[in-house]
Each structure stands twice: as C-alpha cells, then as structure tokens.
N, C-alpha and C. Protein backbone atom coordinates (compact mmCIF):
# COMPACT_ATOMS: atom_id res chain seq x y z
N MET A 1 -26.32 -53.11 -25.61
CA MET A 1 -25.60 -52.75 -24.48
C MET A 1 -26.43 -51.58 -23.80
N ALA A 2 -26.58 -51.53 -22.48
CA ALA A 2 -27.34 -50.49 -21.80
C ALA A 2 -26.44 -49.18 -21.68
N ALA A 3 -27.27 -48.09 -21.87
CA ALA A 3 -26.40 -46.98 -21.70
C ALA A 3 -26.03 -46.68 -20.13
N PRO A 4 -24.91 -46.01 -20.01
CA PRO A 4 -24.41 -45.72 -18.80
C PRO A 4 -25.48 -44.85 -18.01
N LEU A 5 -25.53 -45.04 -16.59
CA LEU A 5 -26.52 -44.44 -15.84
C LEU A 5 -26.35 -42.97 -15.91
N LEU A 6 -25.33 -42.22 -16.04
CA LEU A 6 -25.05 -41.05 -16.02
C LEU A 6 -24.64 -40.35 -17.43
N ALA A 7 -25.26 -40.90 -18.31
CA ALA A 7 -25.07 -40.63 -19.85
C ALA A 7 -25.47 -39.10 -19.98
N PRO A 8 -24.68 -38.44 -20.88
CA PRO A 8 -25.03 -36.97 -20.98
C PRO A 8 -26.27 -36.79 -21.53
N VAL A 9 -26.87 -35.69 -21.36
CA VAL A 9 -28.13 -35.35 -21.74
C VAL A 9 -28.12 -33.97 -22.44
N PRO A 10 -28.64 -33.76 -23.57
CA PRO A 10 -28.68 -32.63 -24.22
C PRO A 10 -29.31 -31.39 -23.34
N ILE A 11 -28.71 -30.23 -23.38
CA ILE A 11 -29.19 -29.01 -22.73
C ILE A 11 -30.33 -28.55 -23.45
N ASP A 12 -31.50 -28.46 -22.84
CA ASP A 12 -32.68 -27.70 -23.33
C ASP A 12 -32.72 -26.52 -22.39
N HIS A 13 -32.50 -25.41 -22.86
CA HIS A 13 -32.62 -24.19 -21.94
C HIS A 13 -34.00 -23.93 -21.33
N ASP A 14 -34.94 -24.06 -22.13
CA ASP A 14 -36.31 -23.75 -21.85
C ASP A 14 -36.74 -24.85 -20.62
N ARG A 15 -36.38 -26.16 -20.89
CA ARG A 15 -36.67 -27.11 -19.92
C ARG A 15 -35.94 -26.77 -18.49
N ARG A 16 -34.70 -26.46 -18.79
CA ARG A 16 -33.76 -25.92 -17.53
C ARG A 16 -34.48 -24.89 -16.78
N ALA A 17 -34.97 -23.78 -17.34
CA ALA A 17 -35.62 -22.89 -16.73
C ALA A 17 -36.90 -23.36 -16.15
N ASP A 18 -37.82 -24.19 -16.71
CA ASP A 18 -38.94 -24.74 -15.96
C ASP A 18 -38.55 -25.55 -14.87
N ALA A 19 -37.37 -26.29 -15.09
CA ALA A 19 -37.03 -27.20 -13.93
C ALA A 19 -36.58 -26.55 -12.78
N THR A 20 -35.71 -25.51 -12.95
CA THR A 20 -35.41 -24.64 -11.78
C THR A 20 -36.55 -24.02 -10.95
N GLY A 21 -37.75 -23.43 -11.77
CA GLY A 21 -38.69 -23.14 -11.15
C GLY A 21 -39.60 -24.16 -10.18
N SER A 22 -39.58 -25.37 -10.83
CA SER A 22 -40.33 -26.53 -10.03
C SER A 22 -39.39 -26.89 -9.01
N LEU A 23 -38.21 -27.01 -9.03
CA LEU A 23 -37.46 -27.30 -8.09
C LEU A 23 -37.11 -26.29 -6.91
N SER A 24 -37.45 -25.04 -7.29
CA SER A 24 -37.47 -23.85 -6.18
C SER A 24 -38.81 -24.47 -5.43
N ALA A 25 -39.97 -24.39 -6.08
CA ALA A 25 -41.16 -24.62 -5.24
C ALA A 25 -41.06 -26.01 -4.57
N GLY A 26 -40.40 -27.17 -5.19
CA GLY A 26 -40.43 -28.37 -4.36
C GLY A 26 -39.50 -28.20 -3.21
N TRP A 27 -38.38 -27.55 -3.23
CA TRP A 27 -37.35 -27.30 -2.07
C TRP A 27 -38.19 -26.67 -0.93
N ALA A 28 -38.93 -25.65 -1.38
CA ALA A 28 -39.78 -24.87 -0.33
C ALA A 28 -40.83 -25.83 0.20
N LEU A 29 -41.46 -26.68 -0.50
CA LEU A 29 -42.36 -27.59 0.10
C LEU A 29 -41.86 -28.62 0.83
N LEU A 30 -40.54 -29.22 0.50
CA LEU A 30 -40.08 -30.02 1.37
C LEU A 30 -39.66 -29.56 2.73
N HIS A 31 -39.19 -28.32 2.77
CA HIS A 31 -38.87 -27.66 4.03
C HIS A 31 -40.11 -27.30 4.85
N ALA A 32 -41.18 -27.01 4.28
CA ALA A 32 -42.47 -26.72 4.90
C ALA A 32 -43.05 -27.97 5.54
N ALA A 33 -42.90 -29.27 5.03
CA ALA A 33 -43.02 -30.51 5.61
C ALA A 33 -42.19 -30.78 6.50
N GLY A 34 -40.87 -30.49 6.37
CA GLY A 34 -40.07 -30.73 7.38
C GLY A 34 -40.22 -29.98 8.62
N ASP A 35 -40.71 -28.75 8.42
CA ASP A 35 -41.09 -27.92 9.60
C ASP A 35 -42.17 -28.42 10.40
N ALA A 36 -43.10 -28.96 9.60
CA ALA A 36 -44.49 -29.46 10.26
C ALA A 36 -44.01 -30.87 11.07
N ILE A 37 -43.02 -31.33 10.57
CA ILE A 37 -42.50 -32.93 11.16
C ILE A 37 -41.83 -32.38 12.24
N ALA A 38 -41.03 -31.36 12.18
CA ALA A 38 -40.13 -30.98 13.30
C ALA A 38 -40.98 -30.45 14.63
N GLU A 39 -42.18 -29.99 14.24
CA GLU A 39 -43.12 -29.53 15.24
C GLU A 39 -43.68 -30.62 15.94
N LEU A 40 -44.04 -31.76 15.18
CA LEU A 40 -44.67 -32.59 15.69
C LEU A 40 -43.86 -33.58 16.51
N ALA A 41 -42.38 -33.54 16.10
CA ALA A 41 -41.48 -34.44 16.75
C ALA A 41 -40.82 -33.58 18.11
N GLN A 42 -41.33 -32.22 18.24
CA GLN A 42 -41.08 -31.50 19.50
C GLN A 42 -39.54 -31.00 19.39
N LEU A 43 -39.23 -30.79 18.01
CA LEU A 43 -37.78 -30.33 17.92
C LEU A 43 -37.83 -28.82 17.72
N GLY A 44 -36.98 -28.22 17.93
CA GLY A 44 -36.83 -26.69 18.00
C GLY A 44 -36.73 -26.34 16.38
N PRO A 45 -36.87 -25.08 16.20
CA PRO A 45 -36.89 -24.55 14.80
C PRO A 45 -35.39 -24.64 14.29
N GLU A 46 -35.44 -24.92 12.95
CA GLU A 46 -34.00 -24.94 12.30
C GLU A 46 -33.44 -23.61 12.19
N GLY A 47 -32.25 -23.62 11.76
CA GLY A 47 -31.57 -22.44 11.29
C GLY A 47 -31.82 -22.18 9.98
N ASP A 48 -31.01 -21.41 9.20
CA ASP A 48 -31.25 -21.05 7.95
C ASP A 48 -31.02 -22.21 6.94
N MET A 49 -32.15 -22.38 6.10
CA MET A 49 -31.79 -23.43 4.92
C MET A 49 -31.46 -22.60 3.69
N LEU A 50 -31.18 -23.42 2.91
CA LEU A 50 -30.56 -22.90 1.57
C LEU A 50 -31.86 -22.48 0.79
N ALA A 51 -31.79 -21.13 0.28
CA ALA A 51 -32.82 -20.46 -0.31
C ALA A 51 -33.39 -21.36 -1.35
N PRO A 52 -34.75 -21.65 -1.61
CA PRO A 52 -35.24 -22.41 -2.90
C PRO A 52 -34.64 -21.99 -4.13
N ARG A 53 -34.47 -20.81 -4.46
CA ARG A 53 -33.85 -20.39 -5.73
C ARG A 53 -32.54 -20.57 -5.73
N ASP A 54 -31.78 -20.45 -4.85
CA ASP A 54 -30.23 -20.97 -4.64
C ASP A 54 -30.26 -22.38 -4.84
N PHE A 55 -31.05 -23.05 -4.17
CA PHE A 55 -30.97 -24.68 -4.44
C PHE A 55 -31.31 -24.87 -6.09
N ALA A 56 -32.17 -24.45 -6.70
CA ALA A 56 -32.67 -24.70 -8.05
C ALA A 56 -31.59 -24.24 -8.90
N MET A 57 -30.65 -23.04 -8.53
CA MET A 57 -29.55 -22.74 -9.36
C MET A 57 -28.55 -23.68 -9.25
N ARG A 58 -28.33 -24.19 -7.99
CA ARG A 58 -27.30 -25.09 -7.68
C ARG A 58 -27.46 -26.27 -8.53
N ALA A 59 -28.68 -26.77 -8.54
CA ALA A 59 -29.12 -28.15 -9.18
C ALA A 59 -28.93 -27.80 -10.65
N ALA A 60 -29.13 -26.62 -11.21
CA ALA A 60 -28.87 -26.52 -12.68
C ALA A 60 -27.68 -26.43 -12.85
N ALA A 61 -26.61 -25.79 -12.22
CA ALA A 61 -25.43 -25.69 -12.62
C ALA A 61 -24.50 -27.07 -12.32
N ALA A 62 -25.26 -27.94 -11.60
CA ALA A 62 -24.55 -29.19 -11.46
C ALA A 62 -24.69 -30.13 -12.89
N GLY A 63 -25.37 -29.71 -13.64
CA GLY A 63 -25.46 -30.40 -15.12
C GLY A 63 -26.93 -30.96 -15.28
N PRO A 64 -27.12 -31.23 -16.24
CA PRO A 64 -28.67 -31.76 -16.94
C PRO A 64 -29.07 -33.26 -16.25
N THR A 65 -27.94 -34.03 -15.96
CA THR A 65 -28.23 -35.32 -15.45
C THR A 65 -28.48 -35.15 -13.94
N ARG A 66 -27.69 -34.49 -13.19
CA ARG A 66 -28.00 -34.17 -11.87
C ARG A 66 -29.33 -33.35 -11.55
N LEU A 67 -29.42 -32.37 -12.50
CA LEU A 67 -30.74 -31.71 -12.37
C LEU A 67 -31.79 -32.55 -12.55
N ALA A 68 -32.05 -33.34 -13.51
CA ALA A 68 -33.10 -34.46 -13.51
C ALA A 68 -32.98 -35.35 -12.29
N LEU A 69 -31.83 -35.66 -11.81
CA LEU A 69 -31.83 -36.55 -10.62
C LEU A 69 -32.51 -35.93 -9.42
N ALA A 70 -32.17 -34.53 -9.46
CA ALA A 70 -32.70 -33.79 -8.31
C ALA A 70 -34.24 -33.59 -8.11
N GLU A 71 -34.59 -33.41 -9.57
CA GLU A 71 -36.23 -33.40 -9.69
C GLU A 71 -36.71 -34.58 -9.39
N GLN A 72 -36.26 -35.90 -9.72
CA GLN A 72 -37.00 -37.02 -9.33
C GLN A 72 -36.84 -37.18 -7.89
N ALA A 73 -35.54 -36.91 -7.00
CA ALA A 73 -35.53 -37.08 -5.80
C ALA A 73 -36.56 -36.13 -5.09
N ILE A 74 -36.73 -34.94 -5.33
CA ILE A 74 -37.74 -33.95 -4.89
C ILE A 74 -39.02 -34.67 -4.85
N ASP A 75 -39.41 -35.08 -6.05
CA ASP A 75 -40.81 -35.86 -6.14
C ASP A 75 -40.82 -37.06 -5.18
N ASP A 76 -39.93 -37.78 -5.09
CA ASP A 76 -39.91 -38.99 -4.22
C ASP A 76 -39.97 -38.57 -2.74
N CYS A 77 -39.14 -37.64 -2.51
CA CYS A 77 -39.12 -37.00 -1.03
C CYS A 77 -40.62 -36.66 -0.67
N ALA A 78 -41.14 -35.75 -1.58
CA ALA A 78 -42.42 -35.19 -1.24
C ALA A 78 -43.44 -36.14 -1.14
N ALA A 79 -43.45 -37.18 -2.05
CA ALA A 79 -44.42 -38.44 -1.71
C ALA A 79 -44.06 -39.12 -0.49
N ALA A 80 -42.99 -39.42 -0.01
CA ALA A 80 -42.66 -40.12 1.37
C ALA A 80 -43.18 -39.26 2.33
N LEU A 81 -42.80 -37.98 2.39
CA LEU A 81 -43.10 -37.02 3.53
C LEU A 81 -44.54 -36.87 3.59
N HIS A 82 -45.30 -36.68 2.58
CA HIS A 82 -46.75 -36.53 2.36
C HIS A 82 -47.37 -37.78 3.23
N THR A 83 -46.96 -38.94 2.79
CA THR A 83 -47.76 -40.03 3.40
C THR A 83 -47.17 -40.07 4.86
N GLY A 84 -46.04 -39.91 5.23
CA GLY A 84 -45.57 -40.06 6.61
C GLY A 84 -46.20 -38.82 7.46
N LEU A 85 -46.44 -37.68 6.73
CA LEU A 85 -47.03 -36.65 7.58
C LEU A 85 -48.58 -36.83 7.91
N THR A 86 -49.22 -37.43 6.71
CA THR A 86 -50.68 -37.76 7.06
C THR A 86 -50.69 -38.62 8.11
N ALA A 87 -49.95 -39.83 8.21
CA ALA A 87 -49.99 -40.82 9.29
C ALA A 87 -49.77 -40.29 10.68
N LEU A 88 -48.72 -39.27 10.67
CA LEU A 88 -48.47 -38.54 11.95
C LEU A 88 -49.76 -37.75 12.48
N ILE A 89 -50.11 -37.05 11.52
CA ILE A 89 -51.59 -36.43 11.90
C ILE A 89 -52.71 -37.18 12.24
N ALA A 90 -52.86 -38.31 11.62
CA ALA A 90 -53.91 -39.23 11.98
C ALA A 90 -53.66 -39.78 13.37
N GLY A 91 -52.44 -40.07 13.68
CA GLY A 91 -52.18 -40.59 15.08
C GLY A 91 -52.35 -39.44 15.97
N THR A 92 -52.11 -38.37 15.77
CA THR A 92 -52.29 -37.26 16.89
C THR A 92 -53.81 -37.06 17.06
N HIS A 93 -54.63 -37.08 15.82
CA HIS A 93 -56.03 -37.06 16.01
C HIS A 93 -56.63 -38.04 16.78
N ALA A 94 -55.80 -39.34 16.84
CA ALA A 94 -56.41 -40.49 17.39
C ALA A 94 -55.88 -40.45 18.93
N GLY A 95 -55.05 -39.35 19.45
CA GLY A 95 -54.77 -39.25 20.71
C GLY A 95 -53.52 -40.13 20.87
N ARG A 96 -52.74 -40.63 19.81
CA ARG A 96 -51.33 -41.37 20.23
C ARG A 96 -50.28 -40.27 20.41
N ASP A 97 -49.13 -40.78 21.10
CA ASP A 97 -47.93 -40.08 21.21
C ASP A 97 -47.30 -40.57 19.91
N ILE A 98 -47.00 -39.64 18.97
CA ILE A 98 -46.34 -39.86 17.88
C ILE A 98 -44.83 -39.25 17.70
N THR A 99 -44.52 -38.90 18.96
CA THR A 99 -43.24 -38.24 19.07
C THR A 99 -42.09 -39.07 18.33
N ALA A 100 -42.05 -40.22 18.69
CA ALA A 100 -40.86 -41.15 18.23
C ALA A 100 -41.03 -41.20 16.69
N ALA A 101 -41.98 -41.42 16.18
CA ALA A 101 -42.31 -41.65 14.85
C ALA A 101 -41.88 -40.38 14.04
N ALA A 102 -42.51 -39.18 14.58
CA ALA A 102 -42.09 -37.94 14.03
C ALA A 102 -40.48 -37.66 14.10
N VAL A 103 -39.70 -37.94 15.13
CA VAL A 103 -38.43 -37.81 15.01
C VAL A 103 -37.82 -38.67 13.90
N THR A 104 -38.25 -40.03 13.87
CA THR A 104 -37.71 -40.93 12.81
C THR A 104 -38.04 -40.39 11.48
N LEU A 105 -39.16 -39.75 11.13
CA LEU A 105 -39.63 -39.12 9.73
C LEU A 105 -38.68 -38.12 9.47
N TRP A 106 -38.41 -37.10 10.83
CA TRP A 106 -37.69 -36.02 10.61
C TRP A 106 -36.23 -36.26 10.21
N ARG A 107 -35.72 -37.29 10.71
CA ARG A 107 -34.35 -37.83 10.41
C ARG A 107 -34.21 -38.30 8.91
N GLU A 108 -35.37 -38.87 8.27
CA GLU A 108 -35.26 -39.18 7.04
C GLU A 108 -35.49 -38.13 6.24
N PHE A 109 -36.26 -37.01 6.57
CA PHE A 109 -36.21 -35.72 5.57
C PHE A 109 -34.93 -35.36 5.81
N ASP A 110 -34.16 -35.17 6.85
CA ASP A 110 -32.74 -34.45 6.99
C ASP A 110 -31.79 -35.49 6.19
N ARG A 111 -31.87 -36.61 6.26
CA ARG A 111 -30.99 -37.53 5.37
C ARG A 111 -31.29 -37.30 3.73
N ALA A 112 -32.51 -37.08 3.45
CA ALA A 112 -32.82 -36.77 2.05
C ALA A 112 -32.25 -35.49 1.49
N ARG A 113 -32.37 -34.21 2.56
CA ARG A 113 -32.12 -33.06 2.15
C ARG A 113 -30.44 -33.11 2.07
N ILE A 114 -29.74 -33.69 3.00
CA ILE A 114 -28.39 -33.89 2.82
C ILE A 114 -27.90 -34.63 1.56
N GLY A 115 -28.65 -35.47 1.15
CA GLY A 115 -28.36 -36.35 -0.02
C GLY A 115 -28.74 -35.41 -1.35
N LEU A 116 -29.75 -34.50 -1.25
CA LEU A 116 -30.03 -33.63 -2.44
C LEU A 116 -28.84 -32.55 -2.40
N LEU A 117 -28.43 -31.97 -1.27
CA LEU A 117 -27.35 -31.22 -1.26
C LEU A 117 -26.04 -31.74 -1.84
N ALA A 118 -25.85 -32.95 -1.54
CA ALA A 118 -24.60 -33.57 -1.96
C ALA A 118 -24.67 -33.76 -3.43
N LEU A 119 -25.88 -34.26 -3.96
CA LEU A 119 -26.29 -34.47 -5.51
C LEU A 119 -25.92 -33.20 -6.22
N THR A 120 -26.24 -32.12 -5.72
CA THR A 120 -26.30 -30.77 -6.52
C THR A 120 -25.06 -29.92 -6.19
N ALA A 121 -24.20 -30.56 -5.38
CA ALA A 121 -23.01 -29.90 -4.95
C ALA A 121 -22.08 -29.64 -6.32
N SER A 122 -21.23 -28.65 -6.40
CA SER A 122 -20.48 -28.52 -7.66
C SER A 122 -19.47 -29.48 -7.60
N PRO A 123 -19.37 -30.03 -8.82
CA PRO A 123 -18.45 -31.16 -9.11
C PRO A 123 -16.98 -30.83 -9.01
N HIS A 124 -16.44 -29.59 -8.85
CA HIS A 124 -15.17 -29.18 -8.70
C HIS A 124 -14.55 -29.63 -7.43
C-alpha cells in the first residue's frame, strides 16, 4: 500500500536550518524575477512583499512536509520563470512586443506566490 501524500517526516533540525536559508534565497530570487517580468509587462512596482527570512520561517513553522513541498515549489517556479524570462528577453531583443506575454507570465508568478503563501500558512 502506498504511503499517504502528506506522511509525517522526522524533523532534522540541521536540514531545517539549511532549508530555511535556501528558501530565503529562493524567495528573494523569485521576487527579483517577478520584478523583472513586471517591468517587461509595463506594470508598476509592487508593494511590500513578505521578507525572505519571514517566508522561510513561516515555511519551517508549517511543518516538515510543507517545508519540503515549499522547497520543491520554489525550485519549480524558478525553472519556469527562468525559461519564461529568457524567452521574453529574446523577444525584446528581436524587436517584438512582448507585453502581453510578460503580463501572462507575471500572472503565473503571482499565482505561484499566492500558492506558496497558502501552503506555508499556519494550519491553525
């Protein structure tokens, strides 16, 4: 019989500290990519975001399973945004109007960010 999707994972405090550091960096990089995409989409600057360290602490507090899921989601988002941003930059260099594509990619970034915030929200 297969294990449940959200099976408890033993807490490894050293791994948890490493994960929060990488999540902080990942969250900051995602927002840097989001800012670049917003600029290409001709959107105004965003307001305050959740600080990278606060996001990482929030993910750690959500438990080891959600922490692991957040790590994977950050990696997945980073890969998608990197590919999309590269395509947008190539389109810009080719003289194409990439505004609509940039807005679409920015919306995907925003949905992913909302999903990450929901995933790491306190279960209380």
